[in-house]
C-alpha atoms as a PDB file:
ATOM      1  CA  MET A   1      -1.182  12.469   0.880  1.00  0.00           C
ATOM      2  CA  LEU A   2       1.052   9.469   1.273  1.00  0.00           C
ATOM      3  CA  TRP A   3      -0.414   6.616  -0.726  1.00  0.00           C
ATOM      4  CA  VAL A   4       0.983   3.291   0.431  1.00  0.00           C
ATOM      5  CA  ASP A   5       0.419  -0.233  -0.746  1.00  0.00           C
ATOM      6  CA  LEU A   6       2.058  -3.275   0.750  1.00  0.00           C
ATOM      7  CA  GLU A   7       2.310  -6.773  -0.613  1.00  0.00           C
ATOM      8  CA  MET A   8       2.599  -9.225   2.246  1.00  0.00           C
ATOM      9  CA  THR A   9       3.048 -12.966   2.631  1.00  0.00           C
ATOM     10  CA  GLY A  10      -0.552 -12.996   3.905  1.00  0.00           C
ATOM     11  CA  LEU A  11      -3.006 -10.889   5.889  1.00  0.00           C
ATOM     12  CA  ASP A  12      -2.176 -11.962   9.462  1.00  0.00           C
ATOM     13  CA  GLU A  13      -0.195  -9.032  10.887  1.00  0.00           C
ATOM     14  CA  LYS A  14       1.260 -11.269  13.610  1.00  0.00           C
ATOM     15  CA  LYS A  15       2.516 -14.101  11.380  1.00  0.00           C
ATOM     16  CA  ASP A  16       2.957 -12.537   7.955  1.00  0.00           C
ATOM     17  CA  ARG A  17       5.604 -10.084   6.725  1.00  0.00           C
ATOM     18  CA  ILE A  18       5.828  -7.197   4.280  1.00  0.00           C
ATOM     19  CA  LEU A  19       7.429  -8.255   0.984  1.00  0.00           C
ATOM     20  CA  GLU A  20       7.035  -5.158  -1.174  1.00  0.00           C
ATOM     21  CA  VAL A  21       6.133  -1.523  -0.604  1.00  0.00           C
ATOM     22  CA  ALA A  22       5.285   1.362  -2.860  1.00  0.00           C
ATOM     23  CA  ALA A  23       4.650   4.894  -1.667  1.00  0.00           C
ATOM     24  CA  VAL A  24       3.367   7.748  -3.794  1.00  0.00           C
ATOM     25  CA  ALA A  25       3.222  11.307  -2.510  1.00  0.00           C
ATOM     26  CA  THR A  26       0.392  13.282  -4.122  1.00  0.00           C
ATOM     27  CA  ASP A  27      -1.054  16.724  -3.821  1.00  0.00           C
ATOM     28  CA  TRP A  28      -4.777  17.160  -3.100  1.00  0.00           C
ATOM     29  CA  ASP A  29      -5.500  17.144  -6.854  1.00  0.00           C
ATOM     30  CA  LEU A  30      -4.080  13.588  -6.849  1.00  0.00           C
ATOM     31  CA  ASN A  31      -1.058  14.495  -8.953  1.00  0.00           C
ATOM     32  CA  GLU A  32       2.012  12.387  -8.250  1.00  0.00           C
ATOM     33  CA  VAL A  33       4.808  14.329  -6.593  1.00  0.00           C
ATOM     34  CA  ALA A  34       7.243  11.474  -5.912  1.00  0.00           C
ATOM     35  CA  VAL A  35       7.405   7.655  -5.861  1.00  0.00           C
ATOM     36  CA  TYR A  36       9.279   5.169  -3.684  1.00  0.00           C
ATOM     37  CA  GLU A  37       9.391   1.410  -4.254  1.00  0.00           C
ATOM     38  CA  ALA A  38      11.270  -1.315  -2.427  1.00  0.00           C
ATOM     39  CA  THR A  39      11.447  -5.031  -1.881  1.00  0.00           C
ATOM     40  CA  VAL A  40      11.736  -6.092   1.741  1.00  0.00           C
ATOM     41  CA  ARG A  41      13.900  -9.156   2.333  1.00  0.00           C
ATOM     42  CA  VAL A  42      11.978 -11.861   4.175  1.00  0.00           C
ATOM     43  CA  ASP A  43      13.201 -15.266   5.320  1.00  0.00           C
ATOM     44  CA  PRO A  44      12.577 -17.346   2.153  1.00  0.00           C
ATOM     45  CA  GLU A  45      11.301 -20.320   4.158  1.00  0.00           C
ATOM     46  CA  LEU A  46       8.786 -18.128   5.990  1.00  0.00           C
ATOM     47  CA  ALA A  47       7.656 -16.565   2.703  1.00  0.00           C
ATOM     48  CA  ARG A  48       7.132 -19.939   1.009  1.00  0.00           C
ATOM     49  CA  ALA A  49       5.357 -21.335   4.075  1.00  0.00           C
ATOM     50  CA  ARG A  50       2.965 -18.373   4.410  1.00  0.00           C
ATOM     51  CA  MET A  51       2.234 -17.759   0.712  1.00  0.00           C
ATOM     52  CA  VAL A  52      -0.205 -20.650   0.348  1.00  0.00           C
ATOM     53  CA  GLY A  53      -3.927 -21.007  -0.120  1.00  0.00           C
ATOM     54  CA  GLU A  54      -6.624 -19.946  -2.536  1.00  0.00           C
ATOM     55  CA  PHE A  55      -5.383 -16.355  -3.029  1.00  0.00           C
ATOM     56  CA  TRP A  56      -1.821 -17.386  -3.832  1.00  0.00           C
ATOM     57  CA  ASP A  57      -3.054 -20.239  -6.052  1.00  0.00           C
ATOM     58  CA  LYS A  58      -5.073 -17.694  -8.063  1.00  0.00           C
ATOM     59  CA  PHE A  59      -2.123 -15.272  -8.267  1.00  0.00           C
ATOM     60  CA  SER A  60       0.690 -17.812  -8.640  1.00  0.00           C
ATOM     61  CA  ALA A  61       2.596 -15.636 -11.146  1.00  0.00           C
ATOM     62  CA  VAL A  62       2.659 -12.748  -8.632  1.00  0.00           C
ATOM     63  CA  ARG A  63       3.752 -15.181  -5.896  1.00  0.00           C
ATOM     64  CA  LYS A  64       6.618 -16.369  -8.112  1.00  0.00           C
ATOM     65  CA  GLN A  65       7.728 -12.784  -8.886  1.00  0.00           C
ATOM     66  CA  LEU A  66       7.641 -11.750  -5.217  1.00  0.00           C
ATOM     67  CA  LEU A  67       9.624 -14.822  -4.141  1.00  0.00           C
ATOM     68  CA  GLU A  68      12.198 -14.281  -6.913  1.00  0.00           C
ATOM     69  CA  GLN A  69      12.766 -10.611  -6.079  1.00  0.00           C
ATOM     70  CA  ASN A  70      13.076 -11.383  -2.355  1.00  0.00           C
ATOM     71  CA  GLU A  71      16.797 -12.176  -2.648  1.00  0.00           C
ATOM     72  CA  GLN A  72      17.529  -8.617  -3.818  1.00  0.00           C
ATOM     73  CA  GLY A  73      15.398  -7.103  -1.071  1.00  0.00           C
ATOM     74  CA  LYS A  74      16.560  -4.725   1.628  1.00  0.00           C
ATOM     75  CA  PRO A  75      16.346  -5.321   5.364  1.00  0.00           C
ATOM     76  CA  SER A  76      13.051  -4.049   6.751  1.00  0.00           C
ATOM     77  CA  SER A  77      14.799  -1.432   8.920  1.00  0.00           C
ATOM     78  CA  ASP A  78      16.506   0.046   5.832  1.00  0.00           C
ATOM     79  CA  VAL A  79      13.165   0.316   4.018  1.00  0.00           C
ATOM     80  CA  GLU A  80      11.662   2.074   7.040  1.00  0.00           C
ATOM     81  CA  SER A  81      14.577   4.532   7.036  1.00  0.00           C
ATOM     82  CA  ASP A  82      14.058   5.151   3.310  1.00  0.00           C
ATOM     83  CA  LEU A  83      10.345   5.818   3.863  1.00  0.00           C
ATOM     84  CA  LEU A  84      11.087   8.254   6.702  1.00  0.00           C
ATOM     85  CA  ALA A  85      13.551  10.096   4.443  1.00  0.00           C
ATOM     86  CA  PHE A  86      10.935  10.090   1.652  1.00  0.00           C
ATOM     87  CA  ILE A  87       8.446  11.777   3.991  1.00  0.00           C
ATOM     88  CA  ASP A  88      11.033  14.299   5.193  1.00  0.00           C
ATOM     89  CA  THR A  89      11.826  15.178   1.577  1.00  0.00           C
ATOM     90  CA  HIS A  90       8.279  15.472   0.238  1.00  0.00           C
ATOM     91  CA  PHE A  91       6.174  16.639   3.202  1.00  0.00           C
ATOM     92  CA  ALA A  92       6.610  19.851   5.166  1.00  0.00           C
ATOM     93  CA  SER A  93       7.271  19.201   8.847  1.00  0.00           C
ATOM     94  CA  ASP A  94       4.180  21.188   9.879  1.00  0.00           C
ATOM     95  CA  VAL A  95       1.808  19.296   7.544  1.00  0.00           C
ATOM     96  CA  PRO A  96       0.063  16.084   8.663  1.00  0.00           C
ATOM     97  CA  VAL A  97       1.033  12.995   6.688  1.00  0.00           C
ATOM     98  CA  TYR A  98      -2.260  11.336   5.785  1.00  0.00           C
ATOM     99  CA  LEU A  99      -1.995   7.703   4.787  1.00  0.00           C
ATOM    100  CA  ALA A 100      -4.128   6.832   1.752  1.00  0.00           C
ATOM    101  CA  GLY A 101      -4.967   3.674  -0.146  1.00  0.00           C
ATOM    102  CA  ASN A 102      -7.444   0.857  -0.576  1.00  0.00           C
ATOM    103  CA  SER A 103      -8.202  -0.994   2.680  1.00  0.00           C
ATOM    104  CA  VAL A 104      -5.250   0.974   4.014  1.00  0.00           C
ATOM    105  CA  TRP A 105      -6.267   0.193   7.602  1.00  0.00           C
ATOM    106  CA  ASN A 106      -4.837  -3.292   7.028  1.00  0.00           C
ATOM    107  CA  ASP A 107      -1.543  -1.938   5.675  1.00  0.00           C
ATOM    108  CA  ARG A 108      -1.436   0.343   8.737  1.00  0.00           C
ATOM    109  CA  LYS A 109      -1.474  -2.714  11.049  1.00  0.00           C
ATOM    110  CA  PHE A 110       1.643  -4.042   9.316  1.00  0.00           C
ATOM    111  CA  ILE A 111       3.288  -0.608   9.380  1.00  0.00           C
ATOM    112  CA  ALA A 112       2.606  -0.309  13.117  1.00  0.00           C
ATOM    113  CA  ARG A 113       4.217  -3.671  13.811  1.00  0.00           C
ATOM    114  CA  GLU A 114       7.144  -3.634  11.390  1.00  0.00           C
ATOM    115  CA  TRP A 115       7.887   0.086  11.082  1.00  0.00           C
ATOM    116  CA  PRO A 116       6.936   1.793  14.367  1.00  0.00           C
ATOM    117  CA  SER A 117       8.934   4.966  13.642  1.00  0.00           C
ATOM    118  CA  LEU A 118       7.037   5.399  10.375  1.00  0.00           C
ATOM    119  CA  ASP A 119       3.747   4.727  12.142  1.00  0.00           C
ATOM    120  CA  VAL A 120       4.439   7.594  14.557  1.00  0.00           C
ATOM    121  CA  LYS A 121       4.993   9.983  11.615  1.00  0.00           C
ATOM    122  CA  LEU A 122       1.581   9.211  10.122  1.00  0.00           C
ATOM    123  CA  HIS A 123      -1.554  11.084  11.130  1.00  0.00           C
ATOM    124  CA  TYR A 124      -4.263   9.042  12.832  1.00  0.00           C
ATOM    125  CA  ARG A 125      -6.706   9.970  10.052  1.00  0.00           C
ATOM    126  CA  MET A 126      -6.500   7.964   6.835  1.00  0.00           C
ATOM    127  CA  LEU A 127      -8.119   8.203   3.426  1.00  0.00           C
ATOM    128  CA  ASP A 128      -9.466   4.743   2.621  1.00  0.00           C
ATOM    129  CA  VAL A 129     -10.733   4.430  -0.953  1.00  0.00           C
ATOM    130  CA  SER A 130     -12.598   1.242  -0.062  1.00  0.00           C
ATOM    131  CA  ALA A 131     -15.028   3.358   2.011  1.00  0.00           C
ATOM    132  CA  TRP A 132     -15.834   5.370  -1.118  1.00  0.00           C
ATOM    133  CA  LYS A 133     -16.265   2.089  -3.015  1.00  0.00           C
ATOM    134  CA  LEU A 134     -18.900   0.915  -0.514  1.00  0.00           C
ATOM    135  CA  VAL A 135     -20.929   4.110  -0.790  1.00  0.00           C
ATOM    136  CA  PHE A 136     -20.792   4.413  -4.574  1.00  0.00           C
ATOM    137  CA  GLU A 137     -21.538   0.747  -5.285  1.00  0.00           C
ATOM    138  CA  ASN A 138     -24.319   0.320  -2.721  1.00  0.00           C
ATOM    139  CA  ARG A 139     -25.943   3.771  -2.738  1.00  0.00           C
ATOM    140  CA  TYR A 140     -25.438   4.884  -6.343  1.00  0.00           C
ATOM    141  CA  GLY A 141     -24.803   1.659  -8.259  1.00  0.00           C
ATOM    142  CA  LYS A 142     -21.541   3.035  -9.654  1.00  0.00           C
ATOM    143  CA  LYS A 143     -18.692   0.581  -9.851  1.00  0.00           C
ATOM    144  CA  PHE A 144     -15.025   1.139 -10.622  1.00  0.00           C
ATOM    145  CA  THR A 145     -13.128  -1.910 -11.796  1.00  0.00           C
ATOM    146  CA  LYS A 146      -9.401  -1.812 -11.430  1.00  0.00           C
ATOM    147  CA  PRO A 147      -7.014  -4.501 -12.599  1.00  0.00           C
ATOM    148  CA  ASP A 148      -6.106  -7.246 -10.130  1.00  0.00           C
ATOM    149  CA  MET A 149      -2.338  -6.693 -10.318  1.00  0.00           C
ATOM    150  CA  HIS A 150      -1.341  -7.292  -6.687  1.00  0.00           C
ATOM    151  CA  ARG A 151       1.893  -5.400  -7.156  1.00  0.00           C
ATOM    152  CA  ALA A 152       2.353  -2.413  -4.859  1.00  0.00           C
ATOM    153  CA  ALA A 153       2.955   0.446  -7.327  1.00  0.00           C
ATOM    154  CA  ASP A 154       0.259  -0.736  -9.752  1.00  0.00           C
ATOM    155  CA  ASP A 155      -2.244  -1.099  -6.922  1.00  0.00           C
ATOM    156  CA  ILE A 156      -1.588   2.445  -5.670  1.00  0.00           C
ATOM    157  CA  ARG A 157      -2.070   3.945  -9.108  1.00  0.00           C
ATOM    158  CA  GLY A 158      -5.275   1.945  -9.453  1.00  0.00           C
ATOM    159  CA  SER A 159      -6.495   3.315  -6.117  1.00  0.00           C
ATOM    160  CA  ILE A 160      -5.710   6.885  -7.152  1.00  0.00           C
ATOM    161  CA  GLU A 161      -7.620   6.390 -10.416  1.00  0.00           C
ATOM    162  CA  GLU A 162     -10.495   4.879  -8.461  1.00  0.00           C
ATOM    163  CA  LEU A 163     -10.724   7.898  -6.163  1.00  0.00           C
ATOM    164  CA  LYS A 164     -10.606  10.211  -9.202  1.00  0.00           C
ATOM    165  CA  TYR A 165     -13.542   8.268 -10.654  1.00  0.00           C
ATOM    166  CA  TYR A 166     -15.603   8.729  -7.488  1.00  0.00           C
ATOM    167  CA  LEU A 167     -14.702  12.406  -7.183  1.00  0.00           C
ATOM    168  CA  LYS A 168     -15.867  13.025 -10.780  1.00  0.00           C
ATOM    169  CA  ASN A 169     -19.256  11.746  -9.690  1.00  0.00           C
ATOM    170  CA  VAL A 170     -19.333  14.150  -6.742  1.00  0.00           C
ATOM    171  CA  VAL A 171     -17.772  17.321  -8.156  1.00  0.00           C
ATOM    172  CA  GLY A 172     -18.954  18.540 -11.551  1.00  0.00           C
END
């Protein structure tokens, strides 16, 4: 699976931009095979203008870190090329590349808009851990609490641990 987490200036796929990406290739036992991380350079004025509101007030330290690292970021097209090379290196050409993550459908909207060549490489089916969360919390009263890091690589690893938690409750 290709676990992806994006940090964006906000959640509006038309107005906001990707700031940071992490991708983790795993096998079906959820063991990490390879990791890719990058900062995407965004117009600093756009980033400052969009990174406002209650969420960014609550996570002001993360906002500061993302804005500071922006200067060293790569152009979005270079990051897309890196991700395509990452897939070519770690996934066989005859194997579907399933996108995985928490609320990954939202990340997929940004991928489709900003990285269309990557979007084409990804299978239409996705593994969304948030669907598992809904079932286990509401049907079984089991809750997994992961740290609120809001940094791409940390969030992916939290999502992988969350899925492992749910699977332990399904498979003995």
